[in-house]
């Protein structure tokens, strides 16, 4: 898997473009990006991508990636992304009016282990 795979998601492509431009994508933009991208790129590459953010550096990026990995955060659902977006200036979801936009589970193919983890969580919760 790679950055090219991430670009299949319009939201992730939007975040990648912003990072490439050195924009500050906000805390929740960085968190969303890390939670999704960790399934597609190596940890060192993820840190490098996040360090392009206008409001972070390599040390902060590494700390965020380690937090996401240590906590085992799964990619957020669309509703969570839209809620986070309301708490910051940068628009994470480029088309929030489209009910199909920013649903990474529909836009990207994740490893089977992620879907198994989600199913296990739902079973435990029930």
N, C-alpha and C. Protein backbone atom coordinates (compact mmCIF):
# COMPACT_ATOMS: atom_id res chain seq x y z
N UNK A 1 0.84 -1.18 0.00
CA UNK A 1 0.00 0.00 0.00
C UNK A 1 0.89 1.24 0.00
N UNK A 2 0.31 2.36 -0.46
CA UNK A 2 1.14 3.54 -0.64
C UNK A 2 0.31 4.82 -0.61
N UNK A 3 1.01 5.93 -0.77
CA UNK A 3 0.36 7.24 -0.84
C UNK A 3 -0.62 7.27 -2.02
N UNK A 4 -0.26 6.62 -3.11
CA UNK A 4 -1.16 6.58 -4.27
C UNK A 4 -2.48 5.91 -3.89
N UNK A 5 -2.41 4.87 -3.06
CA UNK A 5 -3.63 4.22 -2.59
C UNK A 5 -4.47 5.18 -1.75
N UNK A 6 -3.82 5.98 -0.93
CA UNK A 6 -4.53 6.96 -0.10
C UNK A 6 -5.29 7.98 -0.96
N UNK A 7 -4.73 8.31 -2.09
CA UNK A 7 -5.34 9.32 -2.96
C UNK A 7 -6.66 8.85 -3.57
N UNK A 8 -7.01 7.60 -3.39
CA UNK A 8 -8.32 7.10 -3.85
C UNK A 8 -9.45 7.72 -3.04
N UNK A 9 -9.12 8.22 -1.88
CA UNK A 9 -10.08 8.92 -1.04
C UNK A 9 -9.95 10.41 -1.31
N UNK A 10 -11.01 11.07 -1.76
CA UNK A 10 -10.94 12.52 -1.99
C UNK A 10 -10.51 13.29 -0.73
N UNK A 11 -10.96 12.85 0.43
CA UNK A 11 -10.57 13.53 1.66
C UNK A 11 -9.07 13.38 1.92
N UNK A 12 -8.56 12.16 1.77
CA UNK A 12 -7.14 11.95 2.02
C UNK A 12 -6.29 12.66 0.98
N UNK A 13 -6.76 12.72 -0.25
CA UNK A 13 -6.07 13.46 -1.29
C UNK A 13 -6.03 14.95 -0.94
N UNK A 14 -7.15 15.46 -0.44
CA UNK A 14 -7.25 16.86 0.01
C UNK A 14 -6.24 17.13 1.13
N UNK A 15 -6.15 16.21 2.10
CA UNK A 15 -5.21 16.37 3.20
C UNK A 15 -3.76 16.27 2.71
N UNK A 16 -3.49 15.33 1.82
CA UNK A 16 -2.14 15.21 1.26
C UNK A 16 -1.73 16.47 0.51
N UNK A 17 -2.64 17.03 -0.29
CA UNK A 17 -2.34 18.27 -1.02
C UNK A 17 -2.04 19.41 -0.06
N UNK A 18 -2.84 19.51 1.00
CA UNK A 18 -2.61 20.57 1.99
C UNK A 18 -1.26 20.39 2.68
N UNK A 19 -0.93 19.16 3.03
CA UNK A 19 0.38 18.90 3.65
C UNK A 19 1.52 19.23 2.69
N UNK A 20 1.35 18.85 1.42
CA UNK A 20 2.37 19.17 0.42
C UNK A 20 2.59 20.67 0.28
N UNK A 21 1.52 21.45 0.53
CA UNK A 21 1.60 22.91 0.45
C UNK A 21 2.05 23.55 1.76
N UNK A 22 2.29 22.72 2.78
CA UNK A 22 2.75 23.24 4.07
C UNK A 22 1.65 23.90 4.88
N UNK A 23 0.40 23.60 4.57
CA UNK A 23 -0.72 24.18 5.32
C UNK A 23 -0.83 23.55 6.70
N UNK A 24 -1.44 24.28 7.61
CA UNK A 24 -1.78 23.76 8.93
C UNK A 24 -3.14 23.10 8.80
N UNK A 25 -3.19 21.78 8.86
CA UNK A 25 -4.46 21.07 8.71
C UNK A 25 -5.16 20.88 10.05
N UNK A 26 -4.63 21.46 11.09
CA UNK A 26 -5.25 21.40 12.40
C UNK A 26 -4.99 20.09 13.12
N UNK A 27 -5.20 20.12 14.42
CA UNK A 27 -4.96 18.92 15.24
C UNK A 27 -5.80 17.75 14.74
N UNK A 28 -7.08 17.99 14.52
CA UNK A 28 -7.95 16.89 14.11
C UNK A 28 -7.69 16.44 12.68
N UNK A 29 -7.22 17.34 11.85
CA UNK A 29 -6.80 16.95 10.50
C UNK A 29 -5.61 16.02 10.56
N UNK A 30 -4.65 16.37 11.41
CA UNK A 30 -3.46 15.52 11.57
C UNK A 30 -3.85 14.18 12.19
N UNK A 31 -4.73 14.21 13.18
CA UNK A 31 -5.16 12.98 13.83
C UNK A 31 -5.90 12.08 12.83
N UNK A 32 -6.83 12.65 12.08
CA UNK A 32 -7.55 11.88 11.07
C UNK A 32 -6.59 11.29 10.06
N UNK A 33 -5.66 12.12 9.59
CA UNK A 33 -4.69 11.66 8.61
C UNK A 33 -3.88 10.49 9.15
N UNK A 34 -3.39 10.62 10.38
CA UNK A 34 -2.58 9.56 10.98
C UNK A 34 -3.38 8.28 11.18
N UNK A 35 -4.63 8.41 11.61
CA UNK A 35 -5.47 7.24 11.89
C UNK A 35 -5.76 6.44 10.62
N UNK A 36 -5.82 7.12 9.48
CA UNK A 36 -6.09 6.44 8.21
C UNK A 36 -4.79 6.02 7.55
N UNK A 37 -3.86 6.95 7.43
CA UNK A 37 -2.64 6.71 6.64
C UNK A 37 -1.75 5.63 7.23
N UNK A 38 -1.85 5.36 8.50
CA UNK A 38 -0.98 4.34 9.11
C UNK A 38 -1.19 2.96 8.51
N UNK A 39 -2.31 2.76 7.84
CA UNK A 39 -2.58 1.48 7.18
C UNK A 39 -2.02 1.44 5.75
N UNK A 40 -1.46 2.55 5.28
CA UNK A 40 -1.03 2.64 3.89
C UNK A 40 0.45 2.97 3.71
N UNK A 41 1.06 3.59 4.70
CA UNK A 41 2.47 3.99 4.57
C UNK A 41 3.24 3.55 5.81
N UNK A 42 4.53 3.41 5.64
CA UNK A 42 5.42 3.06 6.75
C UNK A 42 5.42 4.19 7.78
N UNK A 43 5.72 3.85 9.02
CA UNK A 43 5.71 4.83 10.10
C UNK A 43 6.62 6.03 9.81
N UNK A 44 7.82 5.78 9.32
CA UNK A 44 8.74 6.89 9.05
C UNK A 44 8.19 7.81 7.96
N UNK A 45 7.52 7.24 6.97
CA UNK A 45 6.91 8.05 5.91
C UNK A 45 5.73 8.84 6.44
N UNK A 46 4.97 8.24 7.34
CA UNK A 46 3.84 8.95 7.94
C UNK A 46 4.33 10.14 8.76
N UNK A 47 5.39 9.95 9.52
CA UNK A 47 5.96 11.05 10.29
C UNK A 47 6.43 12.16 9.35
N UNK A 48 7.09 11.77 8.27
CA UNK A 48 7.57 12.76 7.30
C UNK A 48 6.42 13.55 6.68
N UNK A 49 5.35 12.87 6.32
CA UNK A 49 4.19 13.55 5.74
C UNK A 49 3.56 14.52 6.75
N UNK A 50 3.38 14.08 7.97
CA UNK A 50 2.77 14.94 8.99
C UNK A 50 3.66 16.13 9.35
N UNK A 51 4.97 15.95 9.26
CA UNK A 51 5.90 17.03 9.59
C UNK A 51 5.85 18.16 8.56
N UNK A 52 5.20 17.93 7.44
CA UNK A 52 5.03 18.99 6.43
C UNK A 52 3.97 20.00 6.85
N UNK A 53 3.16 19.63 7.84
CA UNK A 53 2.11 20.51 8.34
C UNK A 53 2.72 21.82 8.83
N UNK A 54 2.03 22.91 8.55
CA UNK A 54 2.55 24.23 8.91
C UNK A 54 2.63 24.50 10.39
N UNK A 55 2.00 23.66 11.22
CA UNK A 55 1.99 23.89 12.66
C UNK A 55 2.59 22.74 13.45
N UNK A 56 3.43 21.95 12.80
CA UNK A 56 4.04 20.83 13.53
C UNK A 56 5.47 20.64 13.04
N UNK A 57 6.18 19.78 13.71
CA UNK A 57 7.54 19.44 13.30
C UNK A 57 7.69 17.93 13.44
N UNK A 58 8.87 17.43 13.15
CA UNK A 58 9.08 15.99 13.17
C UNK A 58 8.82 15.39 14.55
N UNK A 59 9.23 16.08 15.60
CA UNK A 59 9.03 15.56 16.96
C UNK A 59 7.55 15.45 17.30
N UNK A 60 6.77 16.47 16.99
CA UNK A 60 5.33 16.43 17.25
C UNK A 60 4.65 15.38 16.38
N UNK A 61 5.08 15.28 15.14
CA UNK A 61 4.50 14.29 14.22
C UNK A 61 4.78 12.88 14.74
N UNK A 62 5.99 12.64 15.17
CA UNK A 62 6.36 11.32 15.70
C UNK A 62 5.53 10.98 16.94
N UNK A 63 5.35 11.97 17.82
CA UNK A 63 4.56 11.74 19.04
C UNK A 63 3.11 11.39 18.69
N UNK A 64 2.55 12.06 17.69
CA UNK A 64 1.18 11.76 17.28
C UNK A 64 1.08 10.35 16.70
N UNK A 65 2.01 10.00 15.84
CA UNK A 65 2.00 8.67 15.24
C UNK A 65 2.14 7.59 16.31
N UNK A 66 3.02 7.81 17.26
CA UNK A 66 3.20 6.84 18.35
C UNK A 66 1.93 6.71 19.18
N UNK A 67 1.26 7.84 19.44
CA UNK A 67 0.01 7.81 20.21
C UNK A 67 -1.04 6.99 19.47
N UNK A 68 -1.20 7.25 18.18
CA UNK A 68 -2.19 6.53 17.37
C UNK A 68 -1.88 5.04 17.34
N UNK A 69 -0.61 4.70 17.18
CA UNK A 69 -0.20 3.29 17.16
C UNK A 69 -0.42 2.63 18.53
N UNK A 70 0.05 3.31 19.59
CA UNK A 70 -0.06 2.74 20.94
C UNK A 70 -1.51 2.51 21.36
N UNK A 71 -2.38 3.43 21.01
CA UNK A 71 -3.79 3.33 21.38
C UNK A 71 -4.57 2.43 20.41
N UNK A 72 -3.96 2.12 19.27
CA UNK A 72 -4.63 1.28 18.28
C UNK A 72 -5.85 1.93 17.66
N UNK A 73 -5.79 3.24 17.48
CA UNK A 73 -6.93 3.96 16.93
C UNK A 73 -7.28 3.47 15.52
N UNK A 74 -8.56 3.20 15.32
CA UNK A 74 -9.06 2.86 13.99
C UNK A 74 -9.42 4.14 13.25
N UNK A 75 -9.48 4.09 11.94
CA UNK A 75 -9.89 5.27 11.19
C UNK A 75 -11.27 5.75 11.64
N UNK A 76 -11.44 7.06 11.74
CA UNK A 76 -12.72 7.59 12.23
C UNK A 76 -13.82 7.48 11.18
N UNK A 77 -15.04 7.36 11.68
CA UNK A 77 -16.20 7.37 10.80
C UNK A 77 -16.47 8.80 10.33
N UNK A 78 -17.24 8.94 9.27
CA UNK A 78 -17.58 10.24 8.70
C UNK A 78 -18.14 11.20 9.76
N UNK A 79 -19.04 10.71 10.59
CA UNK A 79 -19.67 11.56 11.60
C UNK A 79 -18.64 12.14 12.56
N UNK A 80 -17.67 11.35 12.94
CA UNK A 80 -16.62 11.81 13.85
C UNK A 80 -15.77 12.88 13.15
N UNK A 81 -15.43 12.64 11.89
CA UNK A 81 -14.63 13.61 11.13
C UNK A 81 -15.37 14.95 11.05
N UNK A 82 -16.65 14.91 10.75
CA UNK A 82 -17.42 16.15 10.64
C UNK A 82 -17.52 16.86 11.99
N UNK A 83 -17.63 16.11 13.06
CA UNK A 83 -17.64 16.71 14.39
C UNK A 83 -16.32 17.37 14.73
N UNK A 84 -15.24 16.68 14.42
CA UNK A 84 -13.92 17.26 14.67
C UNK A 84 -13.70 18.51 13.83
N UNK A 85 -14.18 18.47 12.60
CA UNK A 85 -14.00 19.59 11.67
C UNK A 85 -14.61 20.87 12.24
N UNK A 86 -15.71 20.74 12.97
CA UNK A 86 -16.37 21.90 13.56
C UNK A 86 -15.52 22.56 14.65
N UNK A 87 -14.54 21.85 15.15
CA UNK A 87 -13.72 22.34 16.25
C UNK A 87 -12.42 23.00 15.79
N UNK A 88 -12.26 23.16 14.49
CA UNK A 88 -11.03 23.78 13.99
C UNK A 88 -11.32 24.56 12.71
N UNK A 89 -10.34 25.35 12.27
CA UNK A 89 -10.52 26.18 11.08
C UNK A 89 -10.39 25.39 9.78
N UNK A 90 -9.42 24.49 9.72
CA UNK A 90 -9.18 23.74 8.48
C UNK A 90 -10.31 22.76 8.23
N UNK A 91 -10.81 22.74 7.01
CA UNK A 91 -11.90 21.84 6.62
C UNK A 91 -11.31 20.49 6.22
N UNK A 92 -11.50 19.49 7.06
CA UNK A 92 -10.97 18.15 6.82
C UNK A 92 -11.69 17.49 5.65
N UNK A 93 -13.00 17.55 5.68
CA UNK A 93 -13.83 16.95 4.63
C UNK A 93 -14.10 18.01 3.56
N UNK A 94 -13.57 17.82 2.35
CA UNK A 94 -13.71 18.87 1.34
C UNK A 94 -15.14 19.09 0.85
N UNK A 95 -16.03 18.12 1.03
CA UNK A 95 -17.41 18.26 0.57
C UNK A 95 -18.37 17.69 1.62
N UNK A 96 -18.51 18.38 2.77
CA UNK A 96 -19.34 17.84 3.85
C UNK A 96 -20.82 17.73 3.52
N UNK A 97 -21.27 18.42 2.49
CA UNK A 97 -22.68 18.35 2.10
C UNK A 97 -23.02 17.04 1.39
N UNK A 98 -22.01 16.39 0.82
CA UNK A 98 -22.20 15.12 0.13
C UNK A 98 -22.25 14.01 1.19
N UNK A 99 -23.38 13.32 1.34
CA UNK A 99 -23.48 12.30 2.39
C UNK A 99 -22.54 11.10 2.18
N UNK A 100 -22.00 10.95 0.99
CA UNK A 100 -21.06 9.86 0.72
C UNK A 100 -19.61 10.27 0.91
N UNK A 101 -19.37 11.57 1.06
CA UNK A 101 -17.99 12.08 1.17
C UNK A 101 -17.40 11.75 2.54
N UNK A 102 -16.12 11.53 2.55
CA UNK A 102 -15.33 11.36 3.77
C UNK A 102 -15.67 10.11 4.55
N UNK A 103 -16.14 9.10 3.86
CA UNK A 103 -16.36 7.79 4.47
C UNK A 103 -15.20 6.92 3.98
N UNK A 104 -14.12 6.92 4.74
CA UNK A 104 -12.92 6.21 4.30
C UNK A 104 -13.14 4.71 4.19
N UNK A 105 -14.12 4.20 4.91
CA UNK A 105 -14.40 2.77 4.82
C UNK A 105 -15.01 2.40 3.47
N UNK A 106 -15.65 3.34 2.81
CA UNK A 106 -16.18 3.10 1.46
C UNK A 106 -15.16 3.48 0.39
N UNK A 107 -14.29 4.41 0.70
CA UNK A 107 -13.36 4.94 -0.31
C UNK A 107 -12.06 4.15 -0.42
N UNK A 108 -11.67 3.48 0.65
CA UNK A 108 -10.37 2.81 0.70
C UNK A 108 -10.53 1.34 1.09
N UNK A 109 -9.55 0.55 0.76
CA UNK A 109 -9.51 -0.86 1.16
C UNK A 109 -8.46 -1.02 2.25
N UNK A 110 -8.93 -1.38 3.42
CA UNK A 110 -8.05 -1.57 4.57
C UNK A 110 -7.73 -3.06 4.72
N UNK A 111 -6.69 -3.37 5.47
CA UNK A 111 -6.37 -4.78 5.73
C UNK A 111 -7.53 -5.48 6.46
N UNK A 112 -7.70 -6.75 6.20
CA UNK A 112 -8.76 -7.52 6.85
C UNK A 112 -8.68 -7.44 8.36
N UNK A 113 -7.48 -7.34 8.90
CA UNK A 113 -7.31 -7.30 10.35
C UNK A 113 -8.04 -6.10 10.97
N UNK A 114 -8.12 -4.99 10.26
CA UNK A 114 -8.84 -3.83 10.78
C UNK A 114 -10.32 -4.14 10.92
N UNK A 115 -10.90 -4.73 9.90
CA UNK A 115 -12.32 -5.07 9.95
C UNK A 115 -12.61 -6.08 11.04
N UNK A 116 -11.68 -7.00 11.26
CA UNK A 116 -11.83 -7.99 12.32
C UNK A 116 -11.79 -7.31 13.69
N UNK A 117 -10.88 -6.35 13.86
CA UNK A 117 -10.79 -5.60 15.12
C UNK A 117 -12.08 -4.85 15.40
N UNK A 118 -12.64 -4.24 14.37
CA UNK A 118 -13.89 -3.49 14.53
C UNK A 118 -15.02 -4.43 14.91
N UNK A 119 -15.09 -5.58 14.25
CA UNK A 119 -16.13 -6.56 14.57
C UNK A 119 -15.98 -7.07 16.00
N UNK A 120 -14.75 -7.34 16.41
CA UNK A 120 -14.51 -7.81 17.79
C UNK A 120 -14.96 -6.75 18.79
N UNK A 121 -14.66 -5.49 18.51
CA UNK A 121 -15.05 -4.39 19.39
C UNK A 121 -16.57 -4.32 19.51
N UNK A 122 -17.26 -4.41 18.38
CA UNK A 122 -18.73 -4.34 18.40
C UNK A 122 -19.33 -5.50 19.16
N UNK A 123 -18.75 -6.68 19.02
CA UNK A 123 -19.25 -7.85 19.75
C UNK A 123 -19.04 -7.69 21.24
N UNK A 124 -17.87 -7.17 21.64
CA UNK A 124 -17.60 -6.95 23.06
C UNK A 124 -18.53 -5.89 23.64
N UNK A 125 -18.80 -4.87 22.85
CA UNK A 125 -19.67 -3.78 23.30
C UNK A 125 -21.11 -4.26 23.48
N UNK A 126 -21.54 -5.16 22.59
CA UNK A 126 -22.91 -5.69 22.68
C UNK A 126 -23.01 -6.62 23.87
